[in-house]
Amino acid sequence: MTDEHDDGYRGPAEITVGERTFALRVWLGGYFQPVDGFYHWYGRVAADERLTELVGGGTAAATLSTPHGRAPGRLGDVDLWNRYRIEGISTPPFPVHRALADPRGDGYHDGP
């Protein structure tokens, strides 16, 4: 469930790593970085034994899908509770207030 006064997303998602897809909960946030002109999103993925077996303590390219969108990202930085950090530089897979997503109003930062 998301909070309309919050920037970001908390709720169900699918993480695809290689050929495998995992249905998990995620906690996501992000920010527009004026230095590079892109939106940087990040968050944590709920612990899942099968995901831990696949990724181990390393990193992996992943695709994150929410009910709002889909975006490429990278898993890594597993914490003590086996929750992976996920991050990406692109249009995020969740709604963002227009002012945060495009502060100049010209779409310049839309990302790769």
Protein backbone atom coordinates (compact mmCIF):
# COMPACT_ATOMS: atom_id res chain seq x y z
CA MET A 1 0.00 0.00 0.00
CA THR A 2 1.27 3.46 -0.78
CA ASP A 3 0.72 6.68 1.12
CA GLU A 4 -0.36 9.55 -1.14
CA HIS A 5 1.61 12.02 0.98
CA ASP A 6 4.76 9.96 0.71
CA ASP A 7 7.18 9.99 -2.17
CA GLY A 8 8.04 6.47 -3.12
CA TYR A 9 6.28 3.14 -2.97
CA ARG A 10 5.68 0.43 -0.40
CA GLY A 11 3.92 -2.72 -1.51
CA PRO A 12 3.96 -5.79 -3.72
CA ALA A 13 6.41 -6.13 -6.58
CA GLU A 14 8.04 -8.68 -8.83
CA ILE A 15 11.82 -8.92 -9.08
CA THR A 16 13.21 -10.73 -12.11
CA VAL A 17 16.82 -11.95 -12.01
CA GLY A 18 17.82 -13.83 -15.13
CA GLU A 19 15.02 -16.28 -15.89
CA ARG A 20 13.54 -16.30 -12.36
CA THR A 21 10.82 -14.02 -11.00
CA PHE A 22 10.06 -13.47 -7.31
CA ALA A 23 6.90 -11.90 -5.90
CA LEU A 24 8.04 -9.82 -2.91
CA ARG A 25 7.28 -6.65 -0.95
CA VAL A 26 9.46 -3.62 -1.54
CA TRP A 27 10.08 -0.26 0.09
CA LEU A 28 11.20 2.34 -2.48
CA GLY A 29 12.15 5.99 -2.61
CA GLY A 30 14.11 8.24 -4.90
CA TYR A 31 15.25 11.69 -5.89
CA PHE A 32 16.06 13.78 -8.93
CA GLN A 33 19.81 14.39 -9.19
CA PRO A 34 20.42 17.72 -10.95
CA VAL A 35 24.14 16.96 -11.41
CA ASP A 36 23.49 14.13 -13.87
CA GLY A 37 19.90 15.02 -14.79
CA PHE A 38 18.45 11.61 -13.87
CA TYR A 39 16.01 10.25 -11.33
CA HIS A 40 17.75 7.86 -8.90
CA TRP A 41 15.47 5.36 -7.16
CA TYR A 42 16.40 2.86 -4.46
CA GLY A 43 14.98 0.71 -1.70
CA ARG A 44 14.89 -2.65 0.03
CA VAL A 45 13.39 -5.96 -1.03
CA ALA A 46 11.80 -8.25 1.56
CA ALA A 47 13.90 -11.28 2.48
CA ASP A 48 13.34 -14.38 0.38
CA GLU A 49 15.34 -17.58 0.79
CA ARG A 50 15.17 -18.40 -2.94
CA LEU A 51 16.47 -14.96 -3.91
CA THR A 52 19.31 -15.29 -1.40
CA GLU A 53 20.25 -18.68 -2.87
CA LEU A 54 20.35 -17.18 -6.35
CA VAL A 55 22.22 -13.94 -5.62
CA GLY A 56 24.22 -14.99 -2.54
CA GLY A 57 26.12 -12.09 -1.00
CA GLY A 58 26.89 -10.52 -4.38
CA THR A 59 25.10 -8.28 -6.81
CA ALA A 60 22.82 -9.00 -9.75
CA ALA A 61 21.07 -7.14 -12.54
CA ALA A 62 17.32 -7.22 -11.95
CA THR A 63 14.07 -5.86 -13.32
CA LEU A 64 11.61 -4.47 -10.80
CA SER A 65 7.89 -4.42 -11.63
CA THR A 66 5.18 -2.81 -9.53
CA PRO A 67 1.52 -2.18 -10.38
CA HIS A 68 2.72 1.25 -11.61
CA GLY A 69 5.59 0.34 -13.91
CA ARG A 70 8.74 -1.59 -14.64
CA ALA A 71 12.41 -0.56 -14.50
CA PRO A 72 15.88 -2.10 -14.71
CA GLY A 73 17.95 -2.03 -11.54
CA ARG A 74 20.68 -3.72 -9.55
CA LEU A 75 20.41 -5.86 -6.43
CA GLY A 76 23.20 -5.85 -3.85
CA ASP A 77 24.19 -4.74 -0.37
CA VAL A 78 22.33 -7.47 1.52
CA ASP A 79 21.64 -6.51 5.16
CA LEU A 80 21.65 -8.67 8.32
CA TRP A 81 18.03 -9.71 7.68
CA ASN A 82 18.76 -10.90 4.09
CA ARG A 83 16.98 -7.93 2.54
CA TYR A 84 18.67 -6.74 -0.64
CA ARG A 85 19.03 -3.13 -1.64
CA ILE A 86 17.73 -2.41 -5.13
CA GLU A 87 18.57 0.73 -7.06
CA GLY A 88 18.22 2.15 -10.51
CA ILE A 89 18.71 5.28 -12.58
CA SER A 90 15.67 5.60 -14.78
CA THR A 91 12.01 6.44 -14.76
CA PRO A 92 11.04 4.77 -11.47
CA PRO A 93 8.58 1.87 -11.28
CA PHE A 94 6.29 3.96 -9.07
CA PRO A 95 4.51 7.31 -9.41
CA VAL A 96 6.49 10.43 -8.55
CA HIS A 97 5.08 13.90 -8.00
CA ARG A 98 5.68 15.90 -11.18
CA ALA A 99 7.70 18.55 -9.33
CA LEU A 100 10.12 15.90 -8.08
CA ALA A 101 10.25 13.90 -11.28
CA ASP A 102 10.90 16.87 -13.56
CA PRO A 103 11.72 20.07 -11.64
CA ARG A 104 12.58 22.00 -14.81
CA GLY A 105 9.49 20.83 -16.65
CA ASP A 106 11.38 19.93 -19.82
CA GLY A 107 11.72 16.14 -19.46
CA TYR A 108 15.52 16.41 -19.73
CA HIS A 109 16.26 13.88 -16.96
CA ASP A 110 13.99 11.06 -18.16
CA GLY A 111 16.93 8.68 -18.16
CA PRO A 112 18.14 5.95 -20.41
